[in-house]
Amino acid sequence: MQRWPTSAPSSPAVSFRDLGASLACTVGVGSAAWDRLIGSARPTELHPFRAVEGEKHTAISTPGDLLFHIRSDRRDLCYEFERQLLNSLAGAVTVADETVGFRYFDTRDLLGFVDGTANPVGPSLPEASLVGAEDEQFAGGAYVVVQKYQHPLEIWNALTTEAQEAIMGRRKADNTELDDAVEGQKSHKTLTTIVDDAGEHDILRDNMPFASPGDGVYGTYFIGYCRYLWVIERMLDPMFIGDPPGLHDRLLDFSTPVTGTVFFAPSADLLASLGDD
């Protein structure tokens, strides 16, 4: 598990129980709550999630004021930290969504494919995910886009492996990339690759599978950290509208978004300074 630069160490009352479990929490603030909680100065691109409506599928926009992205190698530590956090916020917040994710095999999603392959590494990681000198007051923070997708696994699993691979743009067994289509129907991998005159623009994905087999609920919680919000927005347009328009991402036929929210995660230093006020 990797700790993102915007993460703050969690409560010592919880984390001391297993220092090797890397318990941490990233706090994100939504557009509607920013002025009320932080102040009048705002990150340049912070705004509510912009819905994207295609001919067949829609990336819906849902409200949200606060995001607590809690991570650990141990589920019990996440639980205890969340319990203490909500106790401290009792009467001040209403929980709109609580999703418990888990690592599935070798970082695969429930569709059976390795997830997060295109994540930046090394020096490219902060360059892609953290705001820099272009918005100096909020440097070190990150925009966070979350979308909760649900999958009809019985329909997906009825496809042949070859059909699934063509939709995803990767081999299922070894994660090898397939060639990009230059015309006609394009794969998910191709549609979410953003290239312009400045080169390829990356984001940091920390997607997590979630499931309740007894209720027949299976899904992927998309969590994208980015330096520039427009990069993720530009990914969603070809997915839902199509490139060319009308040829939407075939993955959406098996993956339905039920939420869509934008937050800004201040740097750990900025977040800590807010308590002083």
C-alpha atoms as a PDB file:
ATOM      1  CA  MET A   1       0.000   0.000   0.000  1.00  0.00           C
ATOM      2  CA  GLN A   2       1.244   3.482  -0.881  1.00  0.00           C
ATOM      3  CA  ARG A   3       0.664   6.639   1.121  1.00  0.00           C
ATOM      4  CA  TRP A   4      -0.180   9.573  -1.092  1.00  0.00           C
ATOM      5  CA  PRO A   5       1.626  12.866  -0.380  1.00  0.00           C
ATOM      6  CA  THR A   6      -1.661  14.527   0.668  1.00  0.00           C
ATOM      7  CA  SER A   7      -2.274  11.923   3.366  1.00  0.00           C
ATOM      8  CA  ALA A   8      -1.887  12.760   7.026  1.00  0.00           C
ATOM      9  CA  PRO A   9      -0.926  10.179   9.620  1.00  0.00           C
ATOM     10  CA  SER A  10      -3.987   8.941  11.432  1.00  0.00           C
ATOM     11  CA  SER A  11      -4.763   9.201  15.121  1.00  0.00           C
ATOM     12  CA  PRO A  12      -1.901   7.812  17.234  1.00  0.00           C
ATOM     13  CA  ALA A  13      -4.578   6.239  19.441  1.00  0.00           C
ATOM     14  CA  VAL A  14      -5.250   3.846  16.566  1.00  0.00           C
ATOM     15  CA  SER A  15      -2.083   3.675  14.491  1.00  0.00           C
ATOM     16  CA  PHE A  16       0.196   2.753  17.421  1.00  0.00           C
ATOM     17  CA  ARG A  17      -1.418  -0.701  17.501  1.00  0.00           C
ATOM     18  CA  ASP A  18       0.427  -1.670  14.318  1.00  0.00           C
ATOM     19  CA  LEU A  19       2.877   0.884  12.965  1.00  0.00           C
ATOM     20  CA  GLY A  20       3.590  -1.337   9.970  1.00  0.00           C
ATOM     21  CA  ALA A  21      -0.028  -1.270   8.792  1.00  0.00           C
ATOM     22  CA  SER A  22       0.387   2.230   7.245  1.00  0.00           C
ATOM     23  CA  LEU A  23      -2.877   3.644   8.542  1.00  0.00           C
ATOM     24  CA  ALA A  24      -3.499   7.071   6.999  1.00  0.00           C
ATOM     25  CA  CYS A  25      -6.360   9.305   5.965  1.00  0.00           C
ATOM     26  CA  THR A  26      -6.748  11.811   3.145  1.00  0.00           C
ATOM     27  CA  VAL A  27      -9.310  14.570   3.704  1.00  0.00           C
ATOM     28  CA  GLY A  28     -11.079  16.139   0.734  1.00  0.00           C
ATOM     29  CA  VAL A  29     -13.378  19.167   0.773  1.00  0.00           C
ATOM     30  CA  GLY A  30     -16.132  19.682  -1.790  1.00  0.00           C
ATOM     31  CA  SER A  31     -16.841  22.870  -3.680  1.00  0.00           C
ATOM     32  CA  ALA A  32     -20.041  23.769  -1.825  1.00  0.00           C
ATOM     33  CA  ALA A  33     -18.379  23.412   1.570  1.00  0.00           C
ATOM     34  CA  TRP A  34     -15.045  25.038   0.740  1.00  0.00           C
ATOM     35  CA  ASP A  35     -15.891  28.671   1.499  1.00  0.00           C
ATOM     36  CA  ARG A  36     -17.686  27.680   4.684  1.00  0.00           C
ATOM     37  CA  LEU A  37     -14.910  25.459   6.032  1.00  0.00           C
ATOM     38  CA  ILE A  38     -11.681  26.798   4.527  1.00  0.00           C
ATOM     39  CA  GLY A  39     -12.128  30.401   3.390  1.00  0.00           C
ATOM     40  CA  SER A  40     -12.707  32.556   0.340  1.00  0.00           C
ATOM     41  CA  ALA A  41      -9.472  31.613  -1.441  1.00  0.00           C
ATOM     42  CA  ARG A  42     -10.169  28.542  -3.564  1.00  0.00           C
ATOM     43  CA  PRO A  43      -8.129  26.103  -5.651  1.00  0.00           C
ATOM     44  CA  THR A  44      -8.311  27.306  -9.240  1.00  0.00           C
ATOM     45  CA  GLU A  45     -10.234  24.356 -10.690  1.00  0.00           C
ATOM     46  CA  LEU A  46     -12.434  23.386  -7.749  1.00  0.00           C
ATOM     47  CA  HIS A  47     -16.075  23.098  -8.794  1.00  0.00           C
ATOM     48  CA  PRO A  48     -18.866  20.528  -8.502  1.00  0.00           C
ATOM     49  CA  PHE A  49     -18.607  17.368 -10.573  1.00  0.00           C
ATOM     50  CA  ARG A  50     -19.764  18.102 -14.111  1.00  0.00           C
ATOM     51  CA  ALA A  51     -22.235  15.516 -15.346  1.00  0.00           C
ATOM     52  CA  VAL A  52     -21.487  14.017 -18.763  1.00  0.00           C
ATOM     53  CA  GLU A  53     -24.498  12.818 -20.718  1.00  0.00           C
ATOM     54  CA  GLY A  54     -23.982  10.503 -23.668  1.00  0.00           C
ATOM     55  CA  GLU A  55     -26.506   8.829 -25.948  1.00  0.00           C
ATOM     56  CA  LYS A  56     -26.658   5.735 -23.730  1.00  0.00           C
ATOM     57  CA  HIS A  57     -24.813   6.419 -20.467  1.00  0.00           C
ATOM     58  CA  THR A  58     -24.477   9.362 -18.072  1.00  0.00           C
ATOM     59  CA  ALA A  59     -21.767  10.248 -15.592  1.00  0.00           C
ATOM     60  CA  ILE A  60     -24.041  11.613 -12.889  1.00  0.00           C
ATOM     61  CA  SER A  61     -23.149  14.385 -10.448  1.00  0.00           C
ATOM     62  CA  THR A  62     -23.856  13.865  -6.741  1.00  0.00           C
ATOM     63  CA  PRO A  63     -23.236  16.301  -3.858  1.00  0.00           C
ATOM     64  CA  GLY A  64     -20.613  15.814  -1.177  1.00  0.00           C
ATOM     65  CA  ASP A  65     -18.950  18.151   1.304  1.00  0.00           C
ATOM     66  CA  LEU A  66     -16.261  15.987   2.919  1.00  0.00           C
ATOM     67  CA  LEU A  67     -14.302  12.947   1.822  1.00  0.00           C
ATOM     68  CA  PHE A  68     -12.345  10.775   4.235  1.00  0.00           C
ATOM     69  CA  HIS A  69     -10.240   8.298   2.292  1.00  0.00           C
ATOM     70  CA  ILE A  70      -9.008   5.935   4.991  1.00  0.00           C
ATOM     71  CA  ARG A  71      -6.348   3.352   4.114  1.00  0.00           C
ATOM     72  CA  SER A  72      -4.542   0.619   5.954  1.00  0.00           C
ATOM     73  CA  ASP A  73      -3.226  -2.879   5.448  1.00  0.00           C
ATOM     74  CA  ARG A  74      -5.589  -3.865   8.279  1.00  0.00           C
ATOM     75  CA  ARG A  75      -9.361  -3.504   8.064  1.00  0.00           C
ATOM     76  CA  ASP A  76      -9.780  -3.329  11.854  1.00  0.00           C
ATOM     77  CA  LEU A  77      -7.630  -0.200  12.050  1.00  0.00           C
ATOM     78  CA  CYS A  78      -9.738   1.480   9.365  1.00  0.00           C
ATOM     79  CA  TYR A  79     -12.849   0.601  11.340  1.00  0.00           C
ATOM     80  CA  GLU A  80     -11.533   1.940  14.630  1.00  0.00           C
ATOM     81  CA  PHE A  81     -10.252   5.161  13.064  1.00  0.00           C
ATOM     82  CA  GLU A  82     -13.584   5.731  11.313  1.00  0.00           C
ATOM     83  CA  ARG A  83     -15.495   5.050  14.534  1.00  0.00           C
ATOM     84  CA  GLN A  84     -13.453   7.611  16.457  1.00  0.00           C
ATOM     85  CA  LEU A  85     -13.663  10.109  13.598  1.00  0.00           C
ATOM     86  CA  LEU A  86     -17.452   9.933  13.393  1.00  0.00           C
ATOM     87  CA  ASN A  87     -17.744  10.186  17.165  1.00  0.00           C
ATOM     88  CA  SER A  88     -15.754  13.416  17.030  1.00  0.00           C
ATOM     89  CA  LEU A  89     -18.044  14.749  14.274  1.00  0.00           C
ATOM     90  CA  ALA A  90     -21.287  13.613  15.892  1.00  0.00           C
ATOM     91  CA  GLY A  91     -24.108  16.023  15.114  1.00  0.00           C
ATOM     92  CA  ALA A  92     -22.052  17.928  12.541  1.00  0.00           C
ATOM     93  CA  VAL A  93     -22.199  15.567   9.570  1.00  0.00           C
ATOM     94  CA  THR A  94     -24.527  13.100   7.876  1.00  0.00           C
ATOM     95  CA  VAL A  95     -22.904  10.126   6.175  1.00  0.00           C
ATOM     96  CA  ALA A  96     -24.006  10.096   2.521  1.00  0.00           C
ATOM     97  CA  ASP A  97     -21.992   7.040   1.464  1.00  0.00           C
ATOM     98  CA  GLU A  98     -19.738   4.567   3.222  1.00  0.00           C
ATOM     99  CA  THR A  99     -17.927   2.103   0.998  1.00  0.00           C
ATOM    100  CA  VAL A 100     -15.507  -0.522   2.260  1.00  0.00           C
ATOM    101  CA  GLY A 101     -13.031  -1.560  -0.415  1.00  0.00           C
ATOM    102  CA  PHE A 102     -10.519  -4.370  -0.462  1.00  0.00           C
ATOM    103  CA  ARG A 103      -7.510  -5.531  -2.432  1.00  0.00           C
ATOM    104  CA  TYR A 104      -8.487  -8.328  -4.779  1.00  0.00           C
ATOM    105  CA  PHE A 105      -5.738 -10.792  -5.658  1.00  0.00           C
ATOM    106  CA  ASP A 106      -2.899  -9.074  -7.571  1.00  0.00           C
ATOM    107  CA  THR A 107      -4.567  -5.611  -7.540  1.00  0.00           C
ATOM    108  CA  ARG A 108      -7.361  -6.723  -9.879  1.00  0.00           C
ATOM    109  CA  ASP A 109     -10.862  -5.326 -10.107  1.00  0.00           C
ATOM    110  CA  LEU A 110     -13.883  -7.603  -9.865  1.00  0.00           C
ATOM    111  CA  LEU A 111     -13.999  -7.752 -13.664  1.00  0.00           C
ATOM    112  CA  GLY A 112     -10.770  -9.736 -13.427  1.00  0.00           C
ATOM    113  CA  PHE A 113      -8.314  -7.174 -14.833  1.00  0.00           C
ATOM    114  CA  VAL A 114      -5.315  -5.557 -13.156  1.00  0.00           C
ATOM    115  CA  ASP A 115      -6.306  -2.022 -12.111  1.00  0.00           C
ATOM    116  CA  GLY A 116      -4.080   1.056 -11.917  1.00  0.00           C
ATOM    117  CA  THR A 117      -1.516  -0.156 -14.446  1.00  0.00           C
ATOM    118  CA  ALA A 118      -1.059   3.325 -15.899  1.00  0.00           C
ATOM    119  CA  ASN A 119      -0.326   4.976 -12.539  1.00  0.00           C
ATOM    120  CA  PRO A 120       2.732   7.232 -12.535  1.00  0.00           C
ATOM    121  CA  VAL A 121       5.722   6.114 -10.482  1.00  0.00           C
ATOM    122  CA  GLY A 122       8.881   7.744  -9.142  1.00  0.00           C
ATOM    123  CA  PRO A 123       9.286  11.460  -9.946  1.00  0.00           C
ATOM    124  CA  SER A 124       6.248  11.280 -12.234  1.00  0.00           C
ATOM    125  CA  LEU A 125       3.963  10.583  -9.255  1.00  0.00           C
ATOM    126  CA  PRO A 126       3.945  14.031  -7.618  1.00  0.00           C
ATOM    127  CA  GLU A 127       4.144  15.725 -11.004  1.00  0.00           C
ATOM    128  CA  ALA A 128       0.877  14.104 -12.092  1.00  0.00           C
ATOM    129  CA  SER A 129      -1.023  14.163  -8.825  1.00  0.00           C
ATOM    130  CA  LEU A 130      -0.024  17.259  -6.840  1.00  0.00           C
ATOM    131  CA  VAL A 131      -0.799  20.907  -7.551  1.00  0.00           C
ATOM    132  CA  GLY A 132       2.372  22.911  -8.163  1.00  0.00           C
ATOM    133  CA  ALA A 133       3.482  26.479  -8.687  1.00  0.00           C
ATOM    134  CA  GLU A 134       0.560  27.130 -11.054  1.00  0.00           C
ATOM    135  CA  ASP A 135      -1.637  27.516  -7.920  1.00  0.00           C
ATOM    136  CA  GLU A 136       0.991  28.290  -5.305  1.00  0.00           C
ATOM    137  CA  GLN A 137      -1.328  28.817  -2.343  1.00  0.00           C
ATOM    138  CA  PHE A 138      -2.604  25.233  -2.699  1.00  0.00           C
ATOM    139  CA  ALA A 139       0.600  23.577  -3.877  1.00  0.00           C
ATOM    140  CA  GLY A 140       1.002  20.069  -2.529  1.00  0.00           C
ATOM    141  CA  GLY A 141      -2.730  19.407  -2.574  1.00  0.00           C
ATOM    142  CA  ALA A 142      -4.669  17.399  -5.125  1.00  0.00           C
ATOM    143  CA  TYR A 143      -8.027  17.276  -6.824  1.00  0.00           C
ATOM    144  CA  VAL A 144      -9.910  14.070  -6.064  1.00  0.00           C
ATOM    145  CA  VAL A 145     -12.684  12.657  -8.221  1.00  0.00           C
ATOM    146  CA  VAL A 146     -14.729   9.754  -6.884  1.00  0.00           C
ATOM    147  CA  GLN A 147     -17.255   7.657  -8.790  1.00  0.00           C
ATOM    148  CA  LYS A 148     -18.928   4.534  -7.471  1.00  0.00           C
ATOM    149  CA  TYR A 149     -19.508   2.059 -10.291  1.00  0.00           C
ATOM    150  CA  GLN A 150     -21.626  -1.090 -10.030  1.00  0.00           C
ATOM    151  CA  HIS A 151     -21.110  -4.147 -12.245  1.00  0.00           C
ATOM    152  CA  PRO A 152     -23.611  -6.789 -13.408  1.00  0.00           C
ATOM    153  CA  LEU A 153     -21.026  -9.538 -13.082  1.00  0.00           C
ATOM    154  CA  GLU A 154     -23.261 -12.293 -14.418  1.00  0.00           C
ATOM    155  CA  ILE A 155     -23.552 -10.439 -17.739  1.00  0.00           C
ATOM    156  CA  TRP A 156     -19.853  -9.538 -17.856  1.00  0.00           C
ATOM    157  CA  ASN A 157     -18.785 -13.087 -17.071  1.00  0.00           C
ATOM    158  CA  ALA A 158     -20.946 -14.368 -19.911  1.00  0.00           C
ATOM    159  CA  LEU A 159     -18.599 -12.640 -22.385  1.00  0.00           C
ATOM    160  CA  THR A 160     -15.647 -14.508 -23.818  1.00  0.00           C
ATOM    161  CA  THR A 161     -12.223 -13.551 -22.505  1.00  0.00           C
ATOM    162  CA  GLU A 162     -11.386 -12.173 -25.944  1.00  0.00           C
ATOM    163  CA  ALA A 163     -14.432  -9.895 -25.891  1.00  0.00           C
ATOM    164  CA  GLN A 164     -13.530  -8.635 -22.420  1.00  0.00           C
ATOM    165  CA  GLU A 165      -9.950  -7.965 -23.508  1.00  0.00           C
ATOM    166  CA  ALA A 166     -11.118  -5.980 -26.537  1.00  0.00           C
ATOM    167  CA  ILE A 167     -13.251  -3.775 -24.270  1.00  0.00           C
ATOM    168  CA  MET A 168     -10.455  -3.176 -21.766  1.00  0.00           C
ATOM    169  CA  GLY A 169      -7.543  -2.965 -24.223  1.00  0.00           C
ATOM    170  CA  ARG A 170      -5.385  -5.376 -22.219  1.00  0.00           C
ATOM    171  CA  ARG A 171      -4.802  -9.088 -21.897  1.00  0.00           C
ATOM    172  CA  LYS A 172      -6.560 -10.508 -18.880  1.00  0.00           C
ATOM    173  CA  ALA A 173      -3.931 -13.032 -17.816  1.00  0.00           C
ATOM    174  CA  ASP A 174      -0.717 -11.013 -18.037  1.00  0.00           C
ATOM    175  CA  ASN A 175      -1.973  -7.397 -18.373  1.00  0.00           C
ATOM    176  CA  THR A 176      -0.201  -6.882 -21.720  1.00  0.00           C
ATOM    177  CA  GLU A 177      -1.478  -3.867 -23.646  1.00  0.00           C
ATOM    178  CA  LEU A 178      -3.271  -4.477 -26.918  1.00  0.00           C
ATOM    179  CA  ASP A 179      -2.684  -2.199 -29.892  1.00  0.00           C
ATOM    180  CA  ASP A 180      -4.741   0.984 -29.909  1.00  0.00           C
ATOM    181  CA  ALA A 181      -7.541   1.193 -32.442  1.00  0.00           C
ATOM    182  CA  VAL A 182      -7.013   4.135 -34.786  1.00  0.00           C
ATOM    183  CA  GLU A 183     -10.644   4.272 -35.934  1.00  0.00           C
ATOM    184  CA  GLY A 184     -14.021   2.798 -35.049  1.00  0.00           C
ATOM    185  CA  GLN A 185     -14.678   1.350 -31.597  1.00  0.00           C
ATOM    186  CA  LYS A 186     -11.858   2.119 -29.167  1.00  0.00           C
ATOM    187  CA  SER A 187     -10.979   0.325 -25.937  1.00  0.00           C
ATOM    188  CA  HIS A 188     -11.279   1.687 -22.411  1.00  0.00           C
ATOM    189  CA  LYS A 189      -7.493   2.012 -22.253  1.00  0.00           C
ATOM    190  CA  THR A 190      -7.402   4.129 -25.410  1.00  0.00           C
ATOM    191  CA  LEU A 191     -10.351   6.353 -24.510  1.00  0.00           C
ATOM    192  CA  THR A 192      -8.871   7.239 -21.108  1.00  0.00           C
ATOM    193  CA  THR A 193      -5.406   8.108 -22.427  1.00  0.00           C
ATOM    194  CA  ILE A 194      -5.101  11.889 -22.727  1.00  0.00           C
ATOM    195  CA  VAL A 195      -2.414  13.179 -25.074  1.00  0.00           C
ATOM    196  CA  ASP A 196      -1.941  16.688 -26.421  1.00  0.00           C
ATOM    197  CA  ASP A 197       0.922  18.878 -27.605  1.00  0.00           C
ATOM    198  CA  ALA A 198       2.392  18.805 -24.092  1.00  0.00           C
ATOM    199  CA  GLY A 199       2.513  15.004 -24.077  1.00  0.00           C
ATOM    200  CA  GLU A 200       0.550  12.403 -22.119  1.00  0.00           C
ATOM    201  CA  HIS A 201      -1.265  13.512 -18.982  1.00  0.00           C
ATOM    202  CA  ASP A 202      -1.450  11.030 -16.094  1.00  0.00           C
ATOM    203  CA  ILE A 203      -3.543  10.760 -12.965  1.00  0.00           C
ATOM    204  CA  LEU A 204      -3.111   8.640  -9.858  1.00  0.00           C
ATOM    205  CA  ARG A 205      -5.783   5.962  -9.441  1.00  0.00           C
ATOM    206  CA  ASP A 206      -6.472   4.333  -6.091  1.00  0.00           C
ATOM    207  CA  ASN A 207      -9.532   2.382  -7.211  1.00  0.00           C
ATOM    208  CA  MET A 208     -10.899  -0.263  -4.860  1.00  0.00           C
ATOM    209  CA  PRO A 209     -13.243  -3.186  -5.467  1.00  0.00           C
ATOM    210  CA  PHE A 210     -16.259  -3.479  -3.182  1.00  0.00           C
ATOM    211  CA  ALA A 211     -18.895  -6.180  -2.951  1.00  0.00           C
ATOM    212  CA  SER A 212     -21.801  -7.627  -1.041  1.00  0.00           C
ATOM    213  CA  PRO A 213     -22.340 -11.063  -2.626  1.00  0.00           C
ATOM    214  CA  GLY A 214     -25.406 -11.767  -0.487  1.00  0.00           C
ATOM    215  CA  ASP A 215     -27.087  -8.686  -1.965  1.00  0.00           C
ATOM    216  CA  GLY A 216     -25.723  -9.262  -5.460  1.00  0.00           C
ATOM    217  CA  VAL A 217     -23.798  -5.979  -5.389  1.00  0.00           C
ATOM    218  CA  TYR A 218     -20.367  -5.773  -7.045  1.00  0.00           C
ATOM    219  CA  GLY A 219     -18.442  -2.721  -8.061  1.00  0.00           C
ATOM    220  CA  THR A 220     -15.400  -0.514  -8.383  1.00  0.00           C
ATOM    221  CA  TYR A 221     -14.932   2.667  -6.394  1.00  0.00           C
ATOM    222  CA  PHE A 222     -12.989   4.956  -8.705  1.00  0.00           C
ATOM    223  CA  ILE A 223     -10.708   7.348  -6.804  1.00  0.00           C
ATOM    224  CA  GLY A 224      -8.619   9.606  -9.019  1.00  0.00           C
ATOM    225  CA  TYR A 225      -6.031  12.057  -7.667  1.00  0.00           C
ATOM    226  CA  CYS A 226      -4.807  14.679 -10.115  1.00  0.00           C
ATOM    227  CA  ARG A 227      -2.850  17.886 -10.403  1.00  0.00           C
ATOM    228  CA  TYR A 228      -5.279  19.250 -12.997  1.00  0.00           C
ATOM    229  CA  LEU A 229      -8.982  18.462 -12.687  1.00  0.00           C
ATOM    230  CA  TRP A 230      -9.464  18.969 -16.409  1.00  0.00           C
ATOM    231  CA  VAL A 231      -7.467  15.806 -17.130  1.00  0.00           C
ATOM    232  CA  ILE A 232     -10.075  13.541 -15.531  1.00  0.00           C
ATOM    233  CA  GLU A 233     -12.882  15.584 -17.062  1.00  0.00           C
ATOM    234  CA  ARG A 234     -11.298  15.082 -20.471  1.00  0.00           C
ATOM    235  CA  MET A 235     -11.170  11.326 -19.818  1.00  0.00           C
ATOM    236  CA  LEU A 236     -14.886  11.174 -19.050  1.00  0.00           C
ATOM    237  CA  ASP A 237     -16.017  12.884 -22.252  1.00  0.00           C
ATOM    238  CA  PRO A 238     -14.804  10.199 -24.693  1.00  0.00           C
ATOM    239  CA  MET A 239     -15.914   7.469 -22.282  1.00  0.00           C
ATOM    240  CA  PHE A 240     -19.525   8.620 -22.086  1.00  0.00           C
ATOM    241  CA  ILE A 241     -19.970  10.579 -25.317  1.00  0.00           C
ATOM    242  CA  GLY A 242     -17.615   8.517 -27.458  1.00  0.00           C
ATOM    243  CA  ASP A 243     -14.668   9.127 -29.755  1.00  0.00           C
ATOM    244  CA  PRO A 244     -16.069   9.598 -32.322  1.00  0.00           C
ATOM    245  CA  PRO A 245     -19.367  10.595 -30.660  1.00  0.00           C
ATOM    246  CA  GLY A 246     -21.744   7.656 -30.428  1.00  0.00           C
ATOM    247  CA  LEU A 247     -19.023   5.062 -29.890  1.00  0.00           C
ATOM    248  CA  HIS A 248     -18.950   5.208 -26.091  1.00  0.00           C
ATOM    249  CA  ASP A 249     -16.657   3.164 -23.880  1.00  0.00           C
ATOM    250  CA  ARG A 250     -18.048  -0.377 -24.044  1.00  0.00           C
ATOM    251  CA  LEU A 251     -17.013  -0.864 -20.424  1.00  0.00           C
ATOM    252  CA  LEU A 252     -19.963   1.353 -19.455  1.00  0.00           C
ATOM    253  CA  ASP A 253     -22.347  -1.347 -20.705  1.00  0.00           C
ATOM    254  CA  PHE A 254     -21.121  -3.348 -17.694  1.00  0.00           C
ATOM    255  CA  SER A 255     -20.235  -0.551 -15.266  1.00  0.00           C
ATOM    256  CA  THR A 256     -22.861   1.952 -14.088  1.00  0.00           C
ATOM    257  CA  PRO A 257     -21.875   5.068 -12.105  1.00  0.00           C
ATOM    258  CA  VAL A 258     -24.148   5.760  -9.138  1.00  0.00           C
ATOM    259  CA  THR A 259     -22.149   8.707  -7.745  1.00  0.00           C
ATOM    260  CA  GLY A 260     -19.851  11.434  -9.064  1.00  0.00           C
ATOM    261  CA  THR A 261     -18.202  14.012  -6.804  1.00  0.00           C
ATOM    262  CA  VAL A 262     -15.186  16.351  -6.856  1.00  0.00           C
ATOM    263  CA  PHE A 263     -13.118  17.250  -3.792  1.00  0.00           C
ATOM    264  CA  PHE A 264      -9.877  19.069  -3.148  1.00  0.00           C
ATOM    265  CA  ALA A 265      -7.452  17.452  -0.716  1.00  0.00           C
ATOM    266  CA  PRO A 266      -5.275  20.153   0.888  1.00  0.00           C
ATOM    267  CA  SER A 267      -1.659  19.320   1.650  1.00  0.00           C
ATOM    268  CA  ALA A 268      -1.015  17.797   5.060  1.00  0.00           C
ATOM    269  CA  ASP A 269       0.644  21.056   6.162  1.00  0.00           C
ATOM    270  CA  LEU A 270      -2.291  23.229   5.076  1.00  0.00           C
ATOM    271  CA  LEU A 271      -4.763  20.850   6.659  1.00  0.00           C
ATOM    272  CA  ALA A 272      -2.866  20.904   9.943  1.00  0.00           C
ATOM    273  CA  SER A 273      -2.751  24.700   9.949  1.00  0.00           C
ATOM    274  CA  LEU A 274      -6.547  24.923   9.756  1.00  0.00           C
ATOM    275  CA  GLY A 275      -6.808  23.545  13.275  1.00  0.00           C
ATOM    276  CA  ASP A 276      -4.845  26.528  14.523  1.00  0.00           C
ATOM    277  CA  ASP A 277      -7.609  28.835  13.301  1.00  0.00           C
END
